[in-house]
Amino acid sequence: MTTITLIRHGQANNTATDEAGYDRLSDLGRQQSRWLGDYMRNTGQRYRKVYTGTLTRHRQTAQEWGADDFTQDARLDEVRYFDLSERMHTQFGIPHPRTHEDFINHLPLTFSAWQEGKIDDVPETFHDFQTRVSDVIHDIAEQGEDAIIFTSGGLIGMATRVVMGLEIGAFTRTILPIMNSSVHRMRLTPAGLSLIQFNAVPHLEPTDRHHAQTHF
């Protein structure tokens, strides 16, 4: 049975205030990615196919992990959350999230408004995001070869929603705990794709790496 492994990128520039500024790994993000690559190789994990989104942080994570060659697919790119946040601020006066605690409250509000079509001039509709995520995950799974995908937390959350049939509240709660460089797995069975692992960080479990268990 084909297994798809999804990896969230390493820690990005968490002091950024826009999409472009966020889209590069921090020094810690590079280290998280290298640790993950070492762990997977040391435990005998190999992949016939390697995919990334087209974002810089996706490619950097794959490279630091140890991928020599990979296929880029724009359908694996993250939702443009900074843009959604700016529209929420402009339309409804909702402050931009500045901390993880702010984000915990901000994300459900934003995604609910996005799903309901209440945010004007969005870069992508909620339905279009869900459709492209479903399409790319199933397309890769149906190639019939175990694959690893370097992408982002929102996409991993949406893939989980698609596979598990999650309603909007459960979907947003799924995204919130996803850690940088975390491992998620789905397996294609005769009944369809099933989630078999979520948010694992075995490479960050040693005591001296607990500081690297980051969300932003």
Protein backbone atom coordinates (compact mmCIF):
# COMPACT_ATOMS: atom_id res chain seq x y z
CA MET A 1 0.00 0.00 0.00
CA THR A 2 1.26 3.45 -0.92
CA THR A 3 2.27 5.73 1.95
CA ILE A 4 2.46 9.52 1.66
CA THR A 5 4.63 11.32 4.24
CA LEU A 6 3.97 15.03 4.70
CA ILE A 7 6.56 17.23 6.42
CA ARG A 8 5.88 20.72 7.66
CA HIS A 9 8.75 23.07 6.86
CA GLY A 10 11.28 24.01 9.52
CA GLN A 11 10.85 27.19 11.52
CA ALA A 12 10.59 30.17 9.16
CA ASN A 13 11.19 33.86 9.80
CA ASN A 14 8.74 34.23 12.67
CA THR A 15 9.28 37.99 13.02
CA ALA A 16 7.84 38.67 9.56
CA THR A 17 4.72 40.72 8.92
CA ASP A 18 4.06 39.64 5.32
CA GLU A 19 4.23 36.59 3.08
CA ALA A 20 7.56 37.44 1.44
CA GLY A 21 9.32 38.19 4.71
CA TYR A 22 8.15 34.95 6.31
CA ASP A 23 9.25 32.72 3.44
CA ARG A 24 12.74 31.63 4.51
CA LEU A 25 14.02 29.29 7.18
CA SER A 26 15.58 30.54 10.38
CA ASP A 27 18.84 28.99 11.56
CA LEU A 28 16.80 26.78 13.89
CA GLY A 29 14.54 25.78 11.00
CA ARG A 30 17.55 24.63 9.02
CA GLN A 31 18.78 22.62 12.00
CA GLN A 32 15.37 21.02 12.56
CA SER A 33 15.38 19.90 8.92
CA ARG A 34 18.88 18.42 9.15
CA TRP A 35 18.00 16.54 12.33
CA LEU A 36 14.92 15.12 10.64
CA GLY A 37 16.92 13.98 7.62
CA ASP A 38 19.52 12.31 9.83
CA TYR A 39 16.82 10.55 11.85
CA MET A 40 15.02 9.23 8.78
CA ARG A 41 18.20 7.95 7.16
CA ASN A 42 19.39 6.36 10.39
CA THR A 43 16.08 4.52 10.71
CA GLY A 44 16.17 3.27 7.14
CA GLN A 45 13.44 5.49 5.70
CA ARG A 46 13.77 5.96 1.93
CA TYR A 47 11.42 7.54 -0.60
CA ARG A 48 11.07 6.97 -4.33
CA LYS A 49 9.50 10.38 -4.90
CA VAL A 50 10.19 13.74 -3.23
CA TYR A 51 7.82 16.68 -3.70
CA THR A 52 7.78 20.27 -2.45
CA GLY A 53 5.63 23.30 -2.84
CA THR A 54 7.17 26.21 -4.72
CA LEU A 55 7.81 28.33 -1.63
CA THR A 56 11.37 29.04 -0.51
CA ARG A 57 10.84 27.50 2.93
CA HIS A 58 9.61 24.25 1.34
CA ARG A 59 12.63 23.95 -0.92
CA GLN A 60 15.06 24.90 1.85
CA THR A 61 13.58 22.27 4.16
CA ALA A 62 13.93 19.58 1.50
CA GLN A 63 17.51 20.60 0.78
CA GLU A 64 18.55 20.71 4.44
CA TRP A 65 16.81 17.35 4.95
CA GLY A 66 19.08 15.94 2.26
CA ALA A 67 16.99 15.79 -0.92
CA ASP A 68 19.17 16.01 -4.02
CA ASP A 69 16.27 16.19 -6.43
CA PHE A 70 12.59 16.97 -6.00
CA THR A 71 9.47 17.86 -7.94
CA GLN A 72 7.89 21.24 -7.21
CA ASP A 73 4.12 21.56 -7.39
CA ALA A 74 2.33 24.85 -6.71
CA ARG A 75 -0.71 22.92 -5.47
CA LEU A 76 1.40 22.12 -2.38
CA ASP A 77 1.83 25.80 -1.49
CA GLU A 78 0.42 27.22 1.72
CA VAL A 79 -2.70 29.36 1.98
CA ARG A 80 -1.67 33.03 2.01
CA TYR A 81 -2.52 33.59 5.66
CA PHE A 82 -0.86 37.00 5.99
CA ASP A 83 -3.10 38.24 3.16
CA LEU A 84 -6.22 36.81 4.81
CA SER A 85 -5.15 38.40 8.10
CA GLU A 86 -4.72 41.79 6.43
CA ARG A 87 -8.20 41.57 4.94
CA MET A 88 -9.67 40.59 8.32
CA HIS A 89 -7.97 43.65 9.81
CA THR A 90 -9.17 45.98 7.05
CA GLN A 91 -12.77 44.73 6.94
CA PHE A 92 -13.49 43.90 10.56
CA GLY A 93 -10.80 45.68 12.57
CA ILE A 94 -9.44 42.40 13.92
CA PRO A 95 -5.80 42.86 15.00
CA HIS A 96 -3.09 40.86 13.31
CA PRO A 97 -1.89 37.91 15.44
CA ARG A 98 1.50 38.63 17.01
CA THR A 99 1.95 35.62 19.31
CA HIS A 100 1.00 31.94 19.31
CA GLU A 101 -1.78 32.77 21.78
CA ASP A 102 -3.13 35.41 19.38
CA PHE A 103 -3.01 32.91 16.51
CA ILE A 104 -5.03 30.35 18.51
CA ASN A 105 -7.96 32.78 18.51
CA HIS A 106 -7.32 34.39 15.13
CA LEU A 107 -7.14 31.28 12.94
CA PRO A 108 -10.64 29.87 13.69
CA LEU A 109 -12.20 33.31 13.16
CA THR A 110 -10.35 33.82 9.90
CA PHE A 111 -10.97 30.36 8.45
CA SER A 112 -14.66 30.42 9.38
CA ALA A 113 -15.10 33.82 7.71
CA TRP A 114 -13.09 32.57 4.72
CA GLN A 115 -15.20 29.42 4.35
CA GLU A 116 -18.41 31.44 4.58
CA GLY A 117 -17.28 33.87 1.87
CA LYS A 118 -17.28 36.88 4.20
CA ILE A 119 -13.75 38.07 3.36
CA ASP A 120 -13.54 40.30 0.28
CA ASP A 121 -10.94 40.02 -2.49
CA VAL A 122 -9.27 36.84 -1.22
CA PRO A 123 -6.26 35.46 -3.13
CA GLU A 124 -7.99 32.05 -3.21
CA THR A 125 -11.40 30.85 -2.04
CA PHE A 126 -11.69 28.26 0.71
CA HIS A 127 -13.32 25.87 -1.76
CA ASP A 128 -10.49 26.30 -4.27
CA PHE A 129 -7.88 25.67 -1.56
CA GLN A 130 -9.66 22.50 -0.45
CA THR A 131 -10.03 21.30 -4.03
CA ARG A 132 -6.37 21.77 -4.96
CA VAL A 133 -5.20 20.05 -1.77
CA SER A 134 -7.49 17.10 -2.36
CA ASP A 135 -6.41 16.86 -5.99
CA VAL A 136 -2.67 16.94 -5.34
CA ILE A 137 -2.73 14.50 -2.41
CA HIS A 138 -4.76 11.98 -4.37
CA ASP A 139 -2.72 12.49 -7.53
CA ILE A 140 0.53 11.76 -5.67
CA ALA A 141 -0.94 8.77 -3.80
CA GLU A 142 -2.28 7.27 -7.00
CA GLN A 143 1.21 7.22 -8.54
CA GLY A 144 1.65 4.03 -6.51
CA GLU A 145 5.04 4.91 -4.99
CA ASP A 146 5.86 5.95 -1.43
CA ALA A 147 6.49 9.69 -1.46
CA ILE A 148 7.60 12.45 0.88
CA ILE A 149 6.16 15.95 0.60
CA PHE A 150 7.66 19.14 2.08
CA THR A 151 4.89 21.68 2.60
CA SER A 152 3.13 23.81 5.24
CA GLY A 153 0.84 23.41 8.23
CA GLY A 154 -2.30 24.78 6.62
CA LEU A 155 -2.00 22.38 3.73
CA ILE A 156 -1.36 19.45 6.07
CA GLY A 157 -4.42 20.45 8.08
CA MET A 158 -6.53 20.66 4.93
CA ALA A 159 -5.26 17.28 3.73
CA THR A 160 -6.30 15.87 7.10
CA ARG A 161 -9.74 17.51 6.77
CA VAL A 162 -10.18 15.96 3.33
CA VAL A 163 -9.14 12.48 4.46
CA MET A 164 -10.96 12.52 7.81
CA GLY A 165 -14.04 14.53 6.80
CA LEU A 166 -13.47 17.16 9.51
CA GLU A 167 -15.88 20.04 10.03
CA ILE A 168 -14.44 23.56 10.26
CA GLY A 169 -13.93 23.64 14.04
CA ALA A 170 -12.06 20.35 14.16
CA PHE A 171 -10.11 21.37 11.06
CA THR A 172 -8.79 24.57 12.65
CA ARG A 173 -7.95 22.75 15.88
CA THR A 174 -5.97 20.28 13.77
CA ILE A 175 -3.80 23.04 12.31
CA LEU A 176 -2.97 24.83 15.56
CA PRO A 177 -0.67 22.21 17.17
CA ILE A 178 1.30 21.30 14.01
CA MET A 179 4.99 21.74 14.79
CA ASN A 180 7.84 22.79 12.55
CA SER A 181 9.49 19.82 10.79
CA SER A 182 6.74 17.47 12.03
CA VAL A 183 5.91 14.20 10.27
CA HIS A 184 2.42 13.19 9.10
CA ARG A 185 1.51 10.05 7.16
CA MET A 186 -1.39 8.88 5.02
CA ARG A 187 -1.81 5.45 3.46
CA LEU A 188 -3.78 4.59 0.36
CA THR A 189 -6.00 1.56 0.95
CA PRO A 190 -8.84 0.08 -1.11
CA ALA A 191 -11.17 2.27 0.95
CA GLY A 192 -9.21 5.44 0.15
CA LEU A 193 -6.60 7.52 1.96
CA SER A 194 -6.35 7.06 5.74
CA LEU A 195 -4.41 9.09 8.29
CA ILE A 196 -1.91 6.82 10.08
CA GLN A 197 0.40 9.36 11.80
CA PHE A 198 0.05 12.98 12.85
CA ASN A 199 2.47 15.65 14.16
CA ALA A 200 5.34 13.32 15.08
CA VAL A 201 8.72 14.86 15.97
CA PRO A 202 10.92 11.90 16.97
CA HIS A 203 14.03 13.81 15.90
CA LEU A 204 13.24 16.48 18.51
CA GLU A 205 12.50 14.13 21.42
CA PRO A 206 16.01 14.10 22.98
CA THR A 207 16.07 16.36 26.03
CA ASP A 208 18.64 18.71 24.54
CA ARG A 209 16.35 19.33 21.54
CA HIS A 210 13.12 20.15 23.36
CA HIS A 211 13.79 23.85 22.74
CA ALA A 212 13.42 23.08 19.02
CA GLN A 213 9.81 21.88 19.33
CA THR A 214 8.38 25.04 17.81
CA HIS A 215 5.13 26.07 16.16
CA PHE A 216 6.32 29.38 14.65
